[in-house]
Amino acid sequence: MIKYVLIYLLIINLGGFLIMLIDKQRAVHKEWRISEKTLMSISILGGSIGMLIGMSTFRHKTKHKKFTIGIPLILLIQISLSILYLKY
């Protein structure tokens, strides 16, 4: 079971990283963008580490408090819930 969870987390975080790259490229070229709702949803579904790395790497969404506070907060909640789950 843990193997599947780790594979899922790897895929969703890689996806989060790539989504930040795609959205950054679209922003630079003034093209249609990925919605903030979609970006936050990916983070909530487990891609918060990939999203944070993407934000830092591509300097994308780093001036938006919704992302600079929201995504680390989501990650903190996910880690806390994981610890609680593993503890009991």
N, C-alpha and C. Protein backbone atom coordinates (compact mmCIF):
# COMPACT_ATOMS: atom_id res chain seq x y z
N MET A 1 0.82 -1.20 0.00
CA MET A 1 0.00 0.00 0.00
C MET A 1 0.87 1.26 0.00
N ILE A 2 1.90 1.29 0.85
CA ILE A 2 2.77 2.47 0.95
C ILE A 2 3.47 2.74 -0.38
N LYS A 3 3.77 1.65 -1.11
CA LYS A 3 4.41 1.79 -2.42
C LYS A 3 3.54 2.60 -3.37
N TYR A 4 2.24 2.33 -3.37
CA TYR A 4 1.33 3.04 -4.26
C TYR A 4 1.16 4.50 -3.85
N VAL A 5 1.17 4.75 -2.56
CA VAL A 5 1.08 6.13 -2.06
C VAL A 5 2.31 6.92 -2.49
N LEU A 6 3.48 6.32 -2.37
CA LEU A 6 4.72 7.00 -2.78
C LEU A 6 4.76 7.26 -4.29
N ILE A 7 4.29 6.29 -5.07
CA ILE A 7 4.24 6.47 -6.52
C ILE A 7 3.28 7.61 -6.86
N TYR A 8 2.10 7.64 -6.20
CA TYR A 8 1.14 8.70 -6.41
C TYR A 8 1.75 10.06 -6.08
N LEU A 9 2.40 10.16 -4.92
CA LEU A 9 3.00 11.43 -4.51
C LEU A 9 4.09 11.88 -5.47
N LEU A 10 4.87 10.95 -5.97
CA LEU A 10 5.91 11.28 -6.95
C LEU A 10 5.28 11.86 -8.22
N ILE A 11 4.23 11.21 -8.71
CA ILE A 11 3.57 11.65 -9.94
C ILE A 11 2.88 13.00 -9.75
N ILE A 12 2.14 13.17 -8.66
CA ILE A 12 1.40 14.42 -8.45
C ILE A 12 2.36 15.59 -8.21
N ASN A 13 3.48 15.35 -7.55
CA ASN A 13 4.46 16.42 -7.33
C ASN A 13 5.22 16.76 -8.60
N LEU A 14 5.52 15.78 -9.40
CA LEU A 14 6.13 16.06 -10.70
C LEU A 14 5.14 16.86 -11.56
N GLY A 15 3.87 16.47 -11.51
CA GLY A 15 2.84 17.21 -12.22
C GLY A 15 2.73 18.64 -11.74
N GLY A 16 2.77 18.85 -10.42
CA GLY A 16 2.71 20.20 -9.86
C GLY A 16 3.87 21.06 -10.31
N PHE A 17 5.04 20.47 -10.34
CA PHE A 17 6.24 21.17 -10.81
C PHE A 17 6.07 21.58 -12.28
N LEU A 18 5.64 20.64 -13.10
CA LEU A 18 5.48 20.91 -14.53
C LEU A 18 4.36 21.92 -14.81
N ILE A 19 3.30 21.86 -14.02
CA ILE A 19 2.19 22.81 -14.19
C ILE A 19 2.68 24.23 -13.92
N MET A 20 3.54 24.40 -12.92
CA MET A 20 4.10 25.73 -12.65
C MET A 20 4.96 26.20 -13.82
N LEU A 21 5.72 25.31 -14.41
CA LEU A 21 6.53 25.66 -15.58
C LEU A 21 5.63 26.08 -16.74
N ILE A 22 4.61 25.30 -17.01
CA ILE A 22 3.70 25.60 -18.12
C ILE A 22 3.00 26.93 -17.90
N ASP A 23 2.50 27.16 -16.67
CA ASP A 23 1.80 28.41 -16.40
C ASP A 23 2.74 29.61 -16.50
N LYS A 24 3.97 29.45 -16.06
CA LYS A 24 4.96 30.53 -16.17
C LYS A 24 5.23 30.85 -17.64
N GLN A 25 5.42 29.83 -18.46
CA GLN A 25 5.66 30.05 -19.88
C GLN A 25 4.48 30.74 -20.54
N ARG A 26 3.28 30.34 -20.16
CA ARG A 26 2.08 30.98 -20.73
C ARG A 26 1.98 32.43 -20.27
N ALA A 27 2.38 32.71 -19.04
CA ALA A 27 2.33 34.09 -18.54
C ALA A 27 3.30 34.97 -19.32
N VAL A 28 4.49 34.46 -19.56
CA VAL A 28 5.51 35.21 -20.29
C VAL A 28 5.04 35.53 -21.71
N HIS A 29 4.36 34.56 -22.33
CA HIS A 29 3.92 34.73 -23.72
C HIS A 29 2.50 35.30 -23.82
N LYS A 30 1.95 35.71 -22.67
CA LYS A 30 0.61 36.31 -22.63
C LYS A 30 -0.44 35.41 -23.28
N GLU A 31 -0.37 34.12 -22.94
CA GLU A 31 -1.33 33.15 -23.46
C GLU A 31 -2.33 32.79 -22.37
N TRP A 32 -3.30 31.95 -22.73
CA TRP A 32 -4.29 31.46 -21.78
C TRP A 32 -3.59 30.77 -20.62
N ARG A 33 -4.03 31.05 -19.40
CA ARG A 33 -3.35 30.60 -18.19
C ARG A 33 -4.12 29.47 -17.50
N ILE A 34 -3.42 28.77 -16.66
CA ILE A 34 -4.03 27.75 -15.81
C ILE A 34 -4.64 28.48 -14.62
N SER A 35 -5.86 28.14 -14.25
CA SER A 35 -6.55 28.87 -13.20
C SER A 35 -5.88 28.64 -11.84
N GLU A 36 -6.00 29.65 -10.98
CA GLU A 36 -5.45 29.52 -9.63
C GLU A 36 -6.15 28.40 -8.87
N LYS A 37 -7.42 28.19 -9.16
CA LYS A 37 -8.17 27.10 -8.52
C LYS A 37 -7.54 25.75 -8.87
N THR A 38 -7.15 25.58 -10.12
CA THR A 38 -6.50 24.34 -10.54
C THR A 38 -5.15 24.18 -9.86
N LEU A 39 -4.38 25.26 -9.81
CA LEU A 39 -3.06 25.20 -9.17
C LEU A 39 -3.19 24.83 -7.69
N MET A 40 -4.14 25.44 -6.99
CA MET A 40 -4.34 25.13 -5.57
C MET A 40 -4.86 23.71 -5.39
N SER A 41 -5.71 23.25 -6.31
CA SER A 41 -6.25 21.89 -6.22
C SER A 41 -5.15 20.85 -6.33
N ILE A 42 -4.20 21.08 -7.21
CA ILE A 42 -3.07 20.15 -7.35
C ILE A 42 -2.30 20.08 -6.04
N SER A 43 -2.11 21.22 -5.42
CA SER A 43 -1.42 21.26 -4.13
C SER A 43 -2.20 20.48 -3.07
N ILE A 44 -3.50 20.70 -3.01
CA ILE A 44 -4.35 20.02 -2.02
C ILE A 44 -4.34 18.50 -2.26
N LEU A 45 -4.27 18.09 -3.51
CA LEU A 45 -4.28 16.66 -3.83
C LEU A 45 -2.93 15.98 -3.58
N GLY A 46 -1.97 16.72 -3.04
CA GLY A 46 -0.70 16.11 -2.67
C GLY A 46 0.51 16.66 -3.41
N GLY A 47 0.30 17.63 -4.29
CA GLY A 47 1.41 18.14 -5.09
C GLY A 47 2.06 19.39 -4.54
N SER A 48 1.90 19.64 -3.25
CA SER A 48 2.40 20.90 -2.68
C SER A 48 3.93 21.01 -2.72
N ILE A 49 4.64 19.93 -2.57
CA ILE A 49 6.11 20.00 -2.63
C ILE A 49 6.56 20.37 -4.05
N GLY A 50 5.98 19.73 -5.04
CA GLY A 50 6.31 20.05 -6.43
C GLY A 50 5.94 21.47 -6.79
N MET A 51 4.80 21.93 -6.27
CA MET A 51 4.37 23.30 -6.53
C MET A 51 5.35 24.30 -5.90
N LEU A 52 5.77 24.03 -4.67
CA LEU A 52 6.73 24.92 -4.00
C LEU A 52 8.07 24.96 -4.73
N ILE A 53 8.54 23.82 -5.15
CA ILE A 53 9.80 23.78 -5.89
C ILE A 53 9.64 24.51 -7.22
N GLY A 54 8.50 24.33 -7.89
CA GLY A 54 8.23 25.03 -9.14
C GLY A 54 8.14 26.53 -8.94
N MET A 55 7.48 26.96 -7.87
CA MET A 55 7.39 28.39 -7.57
C MET A 55 8.79 29.00 -7.42
N SER A 56 9.63 28.31 -6.69
CA SER A 56 10.98 28.80 -6.43
C SER A 56 11.85 28.75 -7.70
N THR A 57 11.80 27.65 -8.40
CA THR A 57 12.63 27.46 -9.58
C THR A 57 12.30 28.45 -10.69
N PHE A 58 11.00 28.64 -10.94
CA PHE A 58 10.58 29.48 -12.06
C PHE A 58 10.18 30.89 -11.63
N ARG A 59 10.34 31.19 -10.34
CA ARG A 59 9.93 32.49 -9.79
C ARG A 59 8.52 32.85 -10.24
N HIS A 60 7.63 31.91 -9.98
CA HIS A 60 6.24 32.06 -10.43
C HIS A 60 5.30 32.06 -9.24
N LYS A 61 4.39 33.01 -9.21
CA LYS A 61 3.38 33.17 -8.16
C LYS A 61 4.02 33.51 -6.81
N THR A 62 5.22 34.02 -6.82
CA THR A 62 5.93 34.32 -5.57
C THR A 62 5.51 35.64 -4.95
N LYS A 63 4.72 36.44 -5.66
CA LYS A 63 4.24 37.70 -5.11
C LYS A 63 2.78 37.60 -4.66
N HIS A 64 2.22 36.42 -4.77
CA HIS A 64 0.82 36.20 -4.40
C HIS A 64 0.76 35.50 -3.04
N LYS A 65 0.24 36.19 -2.04
CA LYS A 65 0.15 35.61 -0.69
C LYS A 65 -0.66 34.32 -0.68
N LYS A 66 -1.64 34.24 -1.58
CA LYS A 66 -2.46 33.03 -1.69
C LYS A 66 -1.56 31.80 -1.92
N PHE A 67 -0.48 32.00 -2.63
CA PHE A 67 0.43 30.91 -2.94
C PHE A 67 1.61 30.83 -1.96
N THR A 68 2.19 31.98 -1.61
CA THR A 68 3.37 31.96 -0.74
C THR A 68 3.02 31.55 0.68
N ILE A 69 1.79 31.76 1.09
CA ILE A 69 1.35 31.31 2.41
C ILE A 69 0.51 30.04 2.29
N GLY A 70 -0.37 30.02 1.28
CA GLY A 70 -1.32 28.92 1.13
C GLY A 70 -0.68 27.56 0.87
N ILE A 71 0.23 27.50 -0.05
CA ILE A 71 0.82 26.20 -0.40
C ILE A 71 1.68 25.65 0.74
N PRO A 72 2.55 26.46 1.39
CA PRO A 72 3.27 25.92 2.54
C PRO A 72 2.32 25.49 3.68
N LEU A 73 1.23 26.21 3.85
CA LEU A 73 0.25 25.85 4.88
C LEU A 73 -0.41 24.51 4.53
N ILE A 74 -0.75 24.32 3.26
CA ILE A 74 -1.31 23.04 2.83
C ILE A 74 -0.31 21.92 3.09
N LEU A 75 0.96 22.15 2.78
CA LEU A 75 1.99 21.14 3.01
C LEU A 75 2.11 20.82 4.50
N LEU A 76 2.09 21.83 5.34
CA LEU A 76 2.17 21.63 6.78
C LEU A 76 0.99 20.79 7.29
N ILE A 77 -0.19 21.09 6.79
CA ILE A 77 -1.38 20.31 7.18
C ILE A 77 -1.25 18.87 6.70
N GLN A 78 -0.77 18.67 5.48
CA GLN A 78 -0.60 17.32 4.95
C GLN A 78 0.42 16.52 5.77
N ILE A 79 1.51 17.16 6.14
CA ILE A 79 2.52 16.48 6.95
C ILE A 79 1.95 16.13 8.32
N SER A 80 1.24 17.07 8.92
CA SER A 80 0.63 16.83 10.24
C SER A 80 -0.36 15.68 10.20
N LEU A 81 -1.21 15.67 9.18
CA LEU A 81 -2.19 14.59 9.05
C LEU A 81 -1.50 13.24 8.80
N SER A 82 -0.42 13.25 8.04
CA SER A 82 0.34 12.02 7.80
C SER A 82 0.94 11.48 9.08
N ILE A 83 1.50 12.38 9.88
CA ILE A 83 2.09 11.97 11.16
C ILE A 83 1.02 11.40 12.08
N LEU A 84 -0.11 12.07 12.16
CA LEU A 84 -1.22 11.57 12.97
C LEU A 84 -1.68 10.20 12.50
N TYR A 85 -1.81 10.04 11.20
CA TYR A 85 -2.24 8.77 10.64
C TYR A 85 -1.25 7.65 10.97
N LEU A 86 0.02 7.92 10.80
CA LEU A 86 1.05 6.91 11.06
C LEU A 86 1.20 6.61 12.55
N LYS A 87 0.88 7.59 13.38
CA LYS A 87 1.00 7.42 14.83
C LYS A 87 -0.06 6.47 15.38
N TYR A 88 -1.25 6.52 14.78
CA TYR A 88 -2.37 5.71 15.29
C TYR A 88 -2.70 4.64 14.37
